[in-house]
Amino acid sequence: MHKYVYCLLIFSCACVSCSSYKKLVWNDEFDKPGLPDSSKWKMEEGFFHNEEQQYYTKNRTENARVENGNLIIEARKEKFDNKDFDASKKGFKYAYPHADYTSASLTTKGIQHFKYGRIELRAKLPKGKGVWPAFWMLGENRDQIGYPFCGEIDIMEYTGKDPNRIHATIHYSRNDGSEKVVSSGTTFKKRKPFNDFHVYAMEWNKKKIDFYFDKKKYYSFDIEEAGDKKNNPFYKPFYLILNFALGGTWGGTIDDKILPQQFLIDYVRVYQK
């Protein structure tokens, strides 16, 4: 049987049947070898978020490729020129002539945006100090109103320095424009996220956002906490980001001996009622 049909049938029986979100509206099963599907994903390029030490490369299979039914995002220890280097400009993006690490970041920005539904990732996480894989979302109006006004939803974040815990986090703006961060996590005993594939999901409606590890709901956020409907970002569309960072403000010190490391993604799926 074709991989897509087989996976969808198994998943529907195992997980979606217990959810009210049953209509598959967008997905990537990563069953076509080569670079990620450009009709579904854009690739970020350069230094980006949180003073992370990796350089995100574009259209480079060493860092992002579909192989054996999985998307592989690979973080590597290697010297790579920074095309944006400019000593006359301020900012982390321009400060360094080269990077010592490479990786990849994929986004649906400008291609596909989502408002409400069940959004899920089935993945096997990398391991070791310094790794920081994430599956998250930003408001589609970020370029117009800026951050944190656009909002951020972190469906899954993991750091190798804290190997028995994953995190779900909500970011938005207070009335004075400062950033408000609301976070929770879940711990593991036997089910290590780097030993096998697991499902990381959220279910988002007009009232709340629920976060899941496999079938376990471990955090719920009341959307009204983020303000009135006019300024509340969680009543508006968001785009997806799938990335593998190293170091930075939260990833911590990188252990070069663990590299290269791979973030393996079986699928990304979006369901609605």
Foldseek 3Di string as FASTA:
>chain_A
DDPVVVVVVVCCVQAVVVDPFDAFDDKDQLPDWAAPDPLQKFKDFFDDPQLFQATADGRDVVAWIRDPRKIKGKKFQAKAALPQADVVDDDSRHPDRIGRMYTIKIKRQPNDWDAFFKKKWKWAAWADAFKKWWKKKWANCCVPPNPPLLKIWTQWIDARVQFFKIKTKIWHADPVGDIDIDMDMDGHDPDGSNVHIWMWMWGADPFWIWTDIHNDTDDIGGQCVRDDPVRRNNRHIIMIMTIMTGDGPPSHDGDNVRPTIIMITSMITTTGD
